[in-house]
Amino acid sequence: MEDHHMTTAPAIELRTFSALDAVRGDLLDVYAEVRAPLLHLPNYAVTAFGERLDRHGCERGFIAVLAYAEGRPVGYAYGNTIEHGDRYWQRISPTPARRYTERPALALKEIGVSPAWRKTGTARRIHDALLALRDEPNVTLMVNSAAGDGKVHDLYRSWGYGDIGQSQPSPASPLLTVMIRAVA
């Protein structure tokens, strides 16, 4: 059944943050809503996300874009710059091509939208707004190929990303597919 009540939905307002402190609470709130079915798994617990967030928030080039509807956060994406030699690249198999790793890249660490806002184009708007602010040549992300029976992977392909290898960022993490595309 199509859900049409979103057609008269309040407008989405996108806000950009380059410091974690200002947005940490909103990020945790919207994360818990986005990942609700997975929060019981150690890798997805809000505390585990908070620890990752605090680590990424201290790294160079941190940026977060959040979507707000009527003042409430309903979607987010965040990432930071990764340099040549970064652990991110070292964990990928096969070794990524030098043309990707020799210059700084944007690592998109998370993107998520509240269930009520899915299939509204909100994720794409957040993603594109974040990329519009960056000057790295490439953006990379990791996706669980099994998520949504492959639909998430297919969505990123439709946004211009291509697969370059696989990575398991932590022992608790599933094996992820690493994808990349040009920022502009």
N, C-alpha and C. Protein backbone atom coordinates (compact mmCIF):
# COMPACT_ATOMS: atom_id res chain seq x y z
N MET A 1 0.83 -1.20 0.00
CA MET A 1 0.00 0.00 0.00
C MET A 1 0.86 1.25 0.00
N GLU A 2 0.59 2.18 -0.88
CA GLU A 2 1.34 3.44 -0.90
C GLU A 2 0.90 4.30 0.27
N ASP A 3 1.85 4.99 0.84
CA ASP A 3 1.55 5.86 1.96
C ASP A 3 1.62 7.30 1.46
N HIS A 4 0.48 7.95 1.34
CA HIS A 4 0.44 9.27 0.72
C HIS A 4 0.43 10.42 1.72
N HIS A 5 0.37 10.10 3.02
CA HIS A 5 0.24 11.21 3.95
C HIS A 5 1.49 12.10 3.98
N MET A 6 2.61 11.61 3.45
CA MET A 6 3.83 12.41 3.47
C MET A 6 3.81 13.52 2.40
N THR A 7 2.88 13.47 1.48
CA THR A 7 2.90 14.45 0.39
C THR A 7 2.65 15.87 0.91
N THR A 8 1.95 15.98 2.04
CA THR A 8 1.72 17.30 2.62
C THR A 8 2.64 17.52 3.82
N ALA A 9 3.72 16.78 3.85
CA ALA A 9 4.64 16.82 4.99
C ALA A 9 5.28 18.20 5.12
N PRO A 10 5.67 18.53 6.36
CA PRO A 10 6.38 19.79 6.55
C PRO A 10 7.67 19.79 5.74
N ALA A 11 8.11 20.98 5.41
CA ALA A 11 9.34 21.10 4.64
C ALA A 11 10.52 20.61 5.47
N ILE A 12 11.49 20.06 4.77
CA ILE A 12 12.72 19.61 5.42
C ILE A 12 13.70 20.78 5.41
N GLU A 13 14.33 20.98 6.56
CA GLU A 13 15.38 21.99 6.65
C GLU A 13 16.70 21.28 6.87
N LEU A 14 17.69 21.55 6.04
CA LEU A 14 19.01 20.93 6.20
C LEU A 14 19.92 21.88 6.97
N ARG A 15 20.61 21.33 7.96
CA ARG A 15 21.58 22.12 8.74
C ARG A 15 22.91 21.39 8.72
N THR A 16 23.98 22.18 8.59
CA THR A 16 25.33 21.63 8.51
C THR A 16 26.12 21.98 9.77
N PHE A 17 26.88 21.02 10.25
CA PHE A 17 27.68 21.21 11.46
C PHE A 17 29.11 20.72 11.21
N SER A 18 30.09 21.53 11.61
CA SER A 18 31.49 21.08 11.47
C SER A 18 32.10 20.76 12.83
N ALA A 19 31.32 20.92 13.91
CA ALA A 19 31.77 20.54 15.25
C ALA A 19 30.72 19.61 15.85
N LEU A 20 31.18 18.51 16.41
CA LEU A 20 30.27 17.49 16.92
C LEU A 20 29.44 17.97 18.11
N ASP A 21 30.05 18.76 19.01
CA ASP A 21 29.37 19.16 20.24
C ASP A 21 27.98 19.72 20.00
N ALA A 22 27.86 20.57 18.98
CA ALA A 22 26.62 21.28 18.71
C ALA A 22 25.48 20.35 18.30
N VAL A 23 25.83 19.14 17.84
CA VAL A 23 24.80 18.29 17.21
C VAL A 23 24.77 16.87 17.76
N ARG A 24 25.63 16.58 18.73
CA ARG A 24 25.76 15.20 19.21
C ARG A 24 24.42 14.62 19.70
N GLY A 25 23.69 15.39 20.49
CA GLY A 25 22.41 14.90 21.02
C GLY A 25 21.41 14.58 19.92
N ASP A 26 21.29 15.48 18.94
CA ASP A 26 20.38 15.25 17.82
C ASP A 26 20.81 14.04 17.00
N LEU A 27 22.11 13.87 16.82
CA LEU A 27 22.61 12.71 16.06
C LEU A 27 22.25 11.41 16.78
N LEU A 28 22.45 11.37 18.09
CA LEU A 28 22.12 10.14 18.84
C LEU A 28 20.62 9.86 18.79
N ASP A 29 19.81 10.90 18.90
CA ASP A 29 18.35 10.72 18.86
C ASP A 29 17.90 10.14 17.53
N VAL A 30 18.36 10.74 16.44
CA VAL A 30 17.88 10.29 15.13
C VAL A 30 18.49 8.93 14.77
N TYR A 31 19.73 8.68 15.20
CA TYR A 31 20.34 7.36 15.00
C TYR A 31 19.47 6.27 15.64
N ALA A 32 19.03 6.51 16.88
CA ALA A 32 18.24 5.51 17.61
C ALA A 32 16.93 5.21 16.88
N GLU A 33 16.37 6.22 16.23
CA GLU A 33 15.13 6.04 15.47
C GLU A 33 15.41 5.28 14.16
N VAL A 34 16.48 5.67 13.48
CA VAL A 34 16.84 5.06 12.19
C VAL A 34 17.19 3.58 12.36
N ARG A 35 17.95 3.28 13.41
CA ARG A 35 18.48 1.92 13.61
C ARG A 35 17.68 1.11 14.62
N ALA A 36 16.48 1.55 14.96
CA ALA A 36 15.70 0.90 16.02
C ALA A 36 15.71 -0.63 15.98
N PRO A 37 15.51 -1.27 14.80
CA PRO A 37 15.46 -2.74 14.79
C PRO A 37 16.80 -3.41 15.10
N LEU A 38 17.89 -2.65 15.08
CA LEU A 38 19.23 -3.25 15.24
C LEU A 38 19.89 -2.90 16.57
N LEU A 39 19.24 -2.06 17.38
CA LEU A 39 19.90 -1.50 18.56
C LEU A 39 20.32 -2.56 19.58
N HIS A 40 19.72 -3.75 19.51
CA HIS A 40 20.08 -4.82 20.44
C HIS A 40 21.41 -5.48 20.07
N LEU A 41 21.90 -5.24 18.86
CA LEU A 41 23.17 -5.83 18.43
C LEU A 41 24.32 -4.95 18.90
N PRO A 42 25.40 -5.57 19.43
CA PRO A 42 26.48 -4.78 20.02
C PRO A 42 27.04 -3.69 19.09
N ASN A 43 27.21 -4.02 17.82
CA ASN A 43 27.80 -3.07 16.87
C ASN A 43 26.88 -1.86 16.61
N TYR A 44 25.57 -2.02 16.86
CA TYR A 44 24.60 -0.97 16.54
C TYR A 44 24.04 -0.26 17.78
N ALA A 45 24.44 -0.72 18.97
CA ALA A 45 23.94 -0.09 20.20
C ALA A 45 24.23 1.41 20.16
N VAL A 46 23.35 2.20 20.77
CA VAL A 46 23.54 3.66 20.77
C VAL A 46 24.89 4.02 21.41
N THR A 47 25.29 3.29 22.45
CA THR A 47 26.58 3.59 23.08
C THR A 47 27.74 3.33 22.12
N ALA A 48 27.65 2.25 21.34
CA ALA A 48 28.70 1.93 20.36
C ALA A 48 28.75 3.01 19.28
N PHE A 49 27.56 3.46 18.84
CA PHE A 49 27.51 4.54 17.86
C PHE A 49 28.11 5.81 18.45
N GLY A 50 27.76 6.12 19.70
CA GLY A 50 28.30 7.30 20.37
C GLY A 50 29.82 7.29 20.45
N GLU A 51 30.39 6.11 20.72
CA GLU A 51 31.86 5.99 20.79
C GLU A 51 32.48 6.22 19.42
N ARG A 52 31.87 5.64 18.36
CA ARG A 52 32.38 5.86 17.00
C ARG A 52 32.28 7.33 16.63
N LEU A 53 31.14 7.91 16.97
CA LEU A 53 30.89 9.31 16.66
C LEU A 53 31.92 10.21 17.33
N ASP A 54 32.21 9.95 18.59
CA ASP A 54 33.18 10.77 19.31
C ASP A 54 34.57 10.65 18.68
N ARG A 55 34.90 9.46 18.22
CA ARG A 55 36.19 9.24 17.56
C ARG A 55 36.23 10.00 16.23
N HIS A 56 35.19 9.82 15.42
CA HIS A 56 35.14 10.48 14.11
C HIS A 56 35.04 11.99 14.24
N GLY A 57 34.35 12.45 15.29
CA GLY A 57 34.15 13.88 15.49
C GLY A 57 35.44 14.64 15.75
N CYS A 58 36.47 13.91 16.20
CA CYS A 58 37.78 14.53 16.47
C CYS A 58 38.67 14.50 15.24
N GLU A 59 38.27 13.78 14.21
CA GLU A 59 39.14 13.60 13.04
C GLU A 59 39.00 14.78 12.09
N ARG A 60 40.02 14.92 11.23
CA ARG A 60 40.10 16.05 10.33
C ARG A 60 38.90 16.08 9.38
N GLY A 61 38.40 17.28 9.15
CA GLY A 61 37.36 17.46 8.14
C GLY A 61 36.00 16.92 8.54
N PHE A 62 35.75 16.78 9.85
CA PHE A 62 34.44 16.26 10.29
C PHE A 62 33.33 17.17 9.77
N ILE A 63 32.26 16.54 9.26
CA ILE A 63 31.09 17.29 8.82
C ILE A 63 29.85 16.43 9.05
N ALA A 64 28.78 17.09 9.47
CA ALA A 64 27.49 16.41 9.60
C ALA A 64 26.42 17.29 8.97
N VAL A 65 25.51 16.65 8.24
CA VAL A 65 24.33 17.34 7.72
C VAL A 65 23.11 16.63 8.30
N LEU A 66 22.25 17.39 8.95
CA LEU A 66 21.03 16.82 9.50
C LEU A 66 19.82 17.45 8.83
N ALA A 67 18.80 16.64 8.65
CA ALA A 67 17.52 17.11 8.13
C ALA A 67 16.57 17.26 9.30
N TYR A 68 15.90 18.40 9.37
CA TYR A 68 14.93 18.66 10.43
C TYR A 68 13.55 18.88 9.81
N ALA A 69 12.54 18.33 10.46
CA ALA A 69 11.14 18.59 10.09
C ALA A 69 10.46 19.09 11.36
N GLU A 70 9.91 20.28 11.31
CA GLU A 70 9.26 20.90 12.47
C GLU A 70 10.20 20.87 13.68
N GLY A 71 11.49 21.15 13.42
CA GLY A 71 12.46 21.25 14.51
C GLY A 71 13.00 19.94 15.04
N ARG A 72 12.50 18.81 14.53
CA ARG A 72 12.99 17.50 14.98
C ARG A 72 13.92 16.90 13.94
N PRO A 73 15.04 16.29 14.37
CA PRO A 73 15.92 15.66 13.38
C PRO A 73 15.28 14.39 12.81
N VAL A 74 15.26 14.28 11.49
CA VAL A 74 14.63 13.11 10.84
C VAL A 74 15.59 12.38 9.91
N GLY A 75 16.81 12.88 9.79
CA GLY A 75 17.79 12.20 8.94
C GLY A 75 19.15 12.83 9.15
N TYR A 76 20.19 12.08 8.78
CA TYR A 76 21.54 12.60 9.01
C TYR A 76 22.52 11.90 8.08
N ALA A 77 23.63 12.55 7.88
CA ALA A 77 24.81 11.92 7.29
C ALA A 77 26.00 12.60 7.92
N TYR A 78 27.06 11.84 8.12
CA TYR A 78 28.28 12.50 8.59
C TYR A 78 29.49 11.77 8.03
N GLY A 79 30.60 12.48 8.01
CA GLY A 79 31.84 11.89 7.51
C GLY A 79 33.02 12.75 7.89
N ASN A 80 34.19 12.33 7.42
CA ASN A 80 35.40 13.11 7.64
C ASN A 80 36.43 12.76 6.58
N THR A 81 37.49 13.54 6.57
CA THR A 81 38.56 13.36 5.59
C THR A 81 39.42 12.16 5.96
N ILE A 82 39.77 11.35 4.97
CA ILE A 82 40.78 10.31 5.19
C ILE A 82 41.96 10.57 4.26
N GLU A 83 43.15 10.36 4.80
CA GLU A 83 44.39 10.66 4.09
C GLU A 83 44.97 9.40 3.49
N HIS A 84 45.96 9.58 2.64
CA HIS A 84 46.77 8.46 2.16
C HIS A 84 47.35 7.72 3.37
N GLY A 85 47.26 6.40 3.37
CA GLY A 85 47.81 5.62 4.48
C GLY A 85 46.85 5.44 5.64
N ASP A 86 45.66 6.05 5.57
CA ASP A 86 44.69 5.91 6.65
C ASP A 86 44.29 4.44 6.83
N ARG A 87 43.97 4.09 8.09
CA ARG A 87 43.49 2.73 8.40
C ARG A 87 42.34 2.31 7.49
N TYR A 88 41.49 3.25 7.16
CA TYR A 88 40.32 2.97 6.30
C TYR A 88 40.77 2.26 5.03
N TRP A 89 41.81 2.79 4.39
CA TRP A 89 42.31 2.20 3.14
C TRP A 89 43.01 0.87 3.41
N GLN A 90 43.72 0.78 4.52
CA GLN A 90 44.53 -0.41 4.81
C GLN A 90 43.69 -1.65 5.05
N ARG A 91 42.45 -1.46 5.48
CA ARG A 91 41.59 -2.60 5.80
C ARG A 91 40.85 -3.15 4.58
N ILE A 92 41.00 -2.49 3.43
CA ILE A 92 40.24 -2.90 2.25
C ILE A 92 41.00 -3.95 1.46
N SER A 93 40.27 -4.97 1.05
CA SER A 93 40.87 -5.99 0.21
C SER A 93 39.98 -6.17 -1.03
N PRO A 94 40.56 -6.18 -2.23
CA PRO A 94 41.98 -5.97 -2.53
C PRO A 94 42.41 -4.52 -2.25
N THR A 95 43.72 -4.29 -2.23
CA THR A 95 44.24 -2.93 -2.01
C THR A 95 43.67 -1.98 -3.06
N PRO A 96 43.07 -0.86 -2.61
CA PRO A 96 42.47 0.08 -3.58
C PRO A 96 43.52 0.72 -4.49
N ALA A 97 43.07 1.09 -5.69
CA ALA A 97 43.96 1.74 -6.67
C ALA A 97 44.52 3.04 -6.10
N ARG A 98 45.77 3.33 -6.45
CA ARG A 98 46.44 4.55 -5.96
C ARG A 98 45.65 5.81 -6.31
N ARG A 99 44.97 5.81 -7.45
CA ARG A 99 44.26 7.03 -7.84
C ARG A 99 43.18 7.40 -6.82
N TYR A 100 42.73 6.44 -6.03
CA TYR A 100 41.75 6.72 -4.98
C TYR A 100 42.43 7.14 -3.67
N THR A 101 43.58 6.53 -3.37
CA THR A 101 44.18 6.68 -2.04
C THR A 101 45.25 7.74 -1.95
N GLU A 102 45.78 8.21 -3.08
CA GLU A 102 46.95 9.12 -2.99
C GLU A 102 46.56 10.54 -2.60
N ARG A 103 45.28 10.89 -2.75
CA ARG A 103 44.82 12.22 -2.33
C ARG A 103 43.78 12.06 -1.22
N PRO A 104 43.58 13.10 -0.40
CA PRO A 104 42.55 12.99 0.63
C PRO A 104 41.20 12.65 0.00
N ALA A 105 40.39 11.89 0.73
CA ALA A 105 39.04 11.54 0.27
C ALA A 105 38.08 11.82 1.42
N LEU A 106 36.81 11.93 1.09
CA LEU A 106 35.78 12.05 2.11
C LEU A 106 35.26 10.65 2.40
N ALA A 107 35.31 10.25 3.68
CA ALA A 107 34.70 8.97 4.08
C ALA A 107 33.33 9.28 4.67
N LEU A 108 32.28 8.83 3.99
CA LEU A 108 30.92 9.01 4.48
C LEU A 108 30.67 7.87 5.47
N LYS A 109 30.64 8.19 6.77
CA LYS A 109 30.63 7.15 7.79
C LYS A 109 29.24 6.60 8.04
N GLU A 110 28.23 7.46 7.97
CA GLU A 110 26.86 7.00 8.25
C GLU A 110 25.90 7.88 7.46
N ILE A 111 24.81 7.29 7.02
CA ILE A 111 23.69 8.05 6.48
C ILE A 111 22.43 7.30 6.87
N GLY A 112 21.44 8.04 7.35
CA GLY A 112 20.21 7.38 7.77
C GLY A 112 19.05 8.35 7.80
N VAL A 113 17.85 7.82 7.59
CA VAL A 113 16.64 8.63 7.58
C VAL A 113 15.57 7.88 8.39
N SER A 114 14.82 8.62 9.21
CA SER A 114 13.75 8.03 10.01
C SER A 114 12.77 7.29 9.11
N PRO A 115 12.19 6.19 9.63
CA PRO A 115 11.29 5.38 8.79
C PRO A 115 10.22 6.19 8.05
N ALA A 116 9.60 7.16 8.71
CA ALA A 116 8.52 7.93 8.08
C ALA A 116 9.00 8.76 6.89
N TRP A 117 10.31 9.02 6.83
CA TRP A 117 10.87 9.88 5.78
C TRP A 117 11.58 9.10 4.68
N ARG A 118 11.51 7.78 4.74
CA ARG A 118 12.15 6.99 3.69
C ARG A 118 11.36 7.09 2.40
N LYS A 119 12.06 6.91 1.29
CA LYS A 119 11.45 6.99 -0.05
C LYS A 119 10.86 8.37 -0.36
N THR A 120 11.41 9.41 0.28
CA THR A 120 10.95 10.77 0.01
C THR A 120 12.06 11.60 -0.67
N GLY A 121 13.20 10.97 -0.92
CA GLY A 121 14.32 11.71 -1.50
C GLY A 121 15.16 12.43 -0.46
N THR A 122 14.81 12.27 0.82
CA THR A 122 15.51 12.99 1.89
C THR A 122 16.96 12.54 2.02
N ALA A 123 17.20 11.22 1.95
CA ALA A 123 18.58 10.72 2.07
C ALA A 123 19.46 11.30 0.97
N ARG A 124 18.93 11.34 -0.24
CA ARG A 124 19.70 11.87 -1.37
C ARG A 124 19.99 13.36 -1.19
N ARG A 125 19.00 14.10 -0.68
CA ARG A 125 19.20 15.54 -0.44
C ARG A 125 20.28 15.78 0.60
N ILE A 126 20.26 15.00 1.68
CA ILE A 126 21.27 15.13 2.73
C ILE A 126 22.65 14.82 2.15
N HIS A 127 22.73 13.71 1.42
CA HIS A 127 23.98 13.27 0.80
C HIS A 127 24.54 14.35 -0.13
N ASP A 128 23.69 14.87 -1.01
CA ASP A 128 24.16 15.85 -1.99
C ASP A 128 24.56 17.17 -1.33
N ALA A 129 23.83 17.55 -0.27
CA ALA A 129 24.18 18.78 0.46
C ALA A 129 25.54 18.64 1.12
N LEU A 130 25.82 17.46 1.67
CA LEU A 130 27.10 17.22 2.32
C LEU A 130 28.23 17.29 1.28
N LEU A 131 28.05 16.61 0.15
CA LEU A 131 29.08 16.60 -0.88
C LEU A 131 29.34 17.98 -1.47
N ALA A 132 28.30 18.80 -1.55
CA ALA A 132 28.43 20.13 -2.15
C ALA A 132 29.40 21.01 -1.36
N LEU A 133 29.65 20.66 -0.11
CA LEU A 133 30.51 21.47 0.75
C LEU A 133 31.96 21.00 0.75
N ARG A 134 32.27 19.94 0.00
CA ARG A 134 33.59 19.32 0.10
C ARG A 134 34.45 19.59 -1.11
N ASP A 135 35.78 19.56 -0.86
CA ASP A 135 36.69 19.72 -2.00
C ASP A 135 37.57 18.49 -2.24
N GLU A 136 37.34 17.39 -1.48
CA GLU A 136 38.05 16.15 -1.80
C GLU A 136 37.57 15.66 -3.17
N PRO A 137 38.48 14.99 -3.94
CA PRO A 137 38.05 14.52 -5.26
C PRO A 137 37.06 13.36 -5.21
N ASN A 138 37.17 12.50 -4.18
CA ASN A 138 36.34 11.30 -4.11
C ASN A 138 35.67 11.15 -2.75
N VAL A 139 34.55 10.44 -2.76
CA VAL A 139 33.85 10.09 -1.53
C VAL A 139 33.69 8.58 -1.50
N THR A 140 33.93 8.00 -0.32
CA THR A 140 33.84 6.55 -0.18
C THR A 140 32.92 6.22 1.00
N LEU A 141 32.27 5.08 0.91
CA LEU A 141 31.41 4.60 1.99
C LEU A 141 31.47 3.09 2.02
N MET A 142 30.96 2.52 3.11
CA MET A 142 30.88 1.07 3.24
C MET A 142 29.43 0.68 3.44
N VAL A 143 29.02 -0.39 2.80
CA VAL A 143 27.63 -0.84 2.88
C VAL A 143 27.59 -2.34 3.16
N ASN A 144 26.64 -2.72 3.99
CA ASN A 144 26.37 -4.14 4.20
C ASN A 144 25.52 -4.59 3.02
N SER A 145 26.11 -5.40 2.13
CA SER A 145 25.43 -5.80 0.90
C SER A 145 24.11 -6.52 1.16
N ALA A 146 23.97 -7.09 2.36
CA ALA A 146 22.75 -7.81 2.70
C ALA A 146 21.63 -6.89 3.17
N ALA A 147 21.96 -5.64 3.49
CA ALA A 147 20.96 -4.71 4.06
C ALA A 147 19.80 -4.52 3.09
N GLY A 148 18.59 -4.70 3.61
CA GLY A 148 17.39 -4.53 2.77
C GLY A 148 17.42 -5.42 1.55
N ASP A 149 17.97 -6.65 1.71
CA ASP A 149 18.08 -7.59 0.58
C ASP A 149 18.81 -6.96 -0.60
N GLY A 150 19.83 -6.16 -0.31
CA GLY A 150 20.64 -5.57 -1.37
C GLY A 150 20.13 -4.24 -1.88
N LYS A 151 18.98 -3.79 -1.37
CA LYS A 151 18.40 -2.53 -1.88
C LYS A 151 19.26 -1.31 -1.55
N VAL A 152 19.92 -1.33 -0.39
CA VAL A 152 20.75 -0.19 0.01
C VAL A 152 21.97 -0.09 -0.93
N HIS A 153 22.57 -1.24 -1.18
CA HIS A 153 23.70 -1.32 -2.10
C HIS A 153 23.29 -0.79 -3.49
N ASP A 154 22.12 -1.23 -3.95
CA ASP A 154 21.61 -0.79 -5.25
C ASP A 154 21.35 0.71 -5.27
N LEU A 155 20.84 1.24 -4.14
CA LEU A 155 20.58 2.68 -4.05
C LEU A 155 21.87 3.47 -4.25
N TYR A 156 22.95 3.05 -3.56
CA TYR A 156 24.22 3.77 -3.70
C TYR A 156 24.77 3.64 -5.12
N ARG A 157 24.56 2.50 -5.74
CA ARG A 157 24.96 2.35 -7.16
C ARG A 157 24.23 3.38 -8.01
N SER A 158 22.94 3.56 -7.72
CA SER A 158 22.14 4.51 -8.51
C SER A 158 22.59 5.96 -8.28
N TRP A 159 23.29 6.19 -7.17
CA TRP A 159 23.84 7.52 -6.87
C TRP A 159 25.24 7.70 -7.47
N GLY A 160 25.71 6.71 -8.20
CA GLY A 160 27.00 6.83 -8.88
C GLY A 160 28.17 6.15 -8.20
N TYR A 161 27.93 5.45 -7.12
CA TYR A 161 29.02 4.73 -6.43
C TYR A 161 29.30 3.40 -7.14
N GLY A 162 30.57 2.99 -7.09
CA GLY A 162 30.97 1.69 -7.61
C GLY A 162 31.77 0.93 -6.56
N ASP A 163 31.69 -0.39 -6.59
CA ASP A 163 32.40 -1.24 -5.62
C ASP A 163 33.89 -1.24 -5.89
N ILE A 164 34.71 -1.16 -4.81
CA ILE A 164 36.17 -1.29 -4.98
C ILE A 164 36.79 -2.38 -4.11
N GLY A 165 35.99 -3.01 -3.24
CA GLY A 165 36.57 -4.07 -2.41
C GLY A 165 35.70 -4.33 -1.20
N GLN A 166 36.29 -5.03 -0.22
CA GLN A 166 35.56 -5.37 1.01
C GLN A 166 36.40 -5.01 2.22
N SER A 167 35.70 -4.78 3.34
CA SER A 167 36.38 -4.39 4.57
C SER A 167 35.57 -4.88 5.76
N GLN A 168 36.28 -5.23 6.83
CA GLN A 168 35.63 -5.52 8.11
C GLN A 168 36.25 -4.57 9.13
N PRO A 169 35.61 -3.40 9.35
CA PRO A 169 36.23 -2.36 10.17
C PRO A 169 36.49 -2.77 11.61
N SER A 170 35.69 -3.69 12.15
CA SER A 170 35.91 -4.16 13.52
C SER A 170 35.41 -5.59 13.62
N PRO A 171 35.89 -6.32 14.66
CA PRO A 171 35.47 -7.72 14.80
C PRO A 171 33.95 -7.88 14.92
N ALA A 172 33.26 -6.88 15.47
CA ALA A 172 31.80 -6.96 15.65
C ALA A 172 31.05 -6.60 14.36
N SER A 173 31.77 -6.04 13.40
CA SER A 173 31.13 -5.57 12.18
C SER A 173 30.98 -6.70 11.17
N PRO A 174 29.89 -6.67 10.39
CA PRO A 174 29.81 -7.61 9.26
C PRO A 174 30.83 -7.22 8.19
N LEU A 175 31.07 -8.12 7.25
CA LEU A 175 31.93 -7.81 6.11
C LEU A 175 31.18 -6.80 5.24
N LEU A 176 31.81 -5.68 4.94
CA LEU A 176 31.16 -4.59 4.22
C LEU A 176 31.75 -4.42 2.83
N THR A 177 30.92 -3.96 1.91
CA THR A 177 31.38 -3.62 0.56
C THR A 177 31.78 -2.15 0.57
N VAL A 178 32.98 -1.87 0.07
CA VAL A 178 33.48 -0.49 0.01
C VAL A 178 33.15 0.07 -1.38
N MET A 179 32.56 1.27 -1.38
CA MET A 179 32.15 1.90 -2.63
C MET A 179 32.79 3.29 -2.74
N ILE A 180 32.91 3.79 -3.95
CA ILE A 180 33.54 5.11 -4.16
C ILE A 180 32.92 5.79 -5.37
N ARG A 181 32.94 7.12 -5.36
CA ARG A 181 32.54 7.91 -6.53
C ARG A 181 33.24 9.27 -6.44
N ALA A 182 33.21 10.00 -7.52
CA ALA A 182 33.72 11.37 -7.52
C ALA A 182 32.77 12.24 -6.69
N VAL A 183 33.33 13.20 -5.97
CA VAL A 183 32.50 14.10 -5.15
C VAL A 183 31.62 14.96 -6.04
N ALA A 184 32.21 15.53 -7.08
CA ALA A 184 31.44 16.45 -7.93
C ALA A 184 30.87 15.71 -9.13
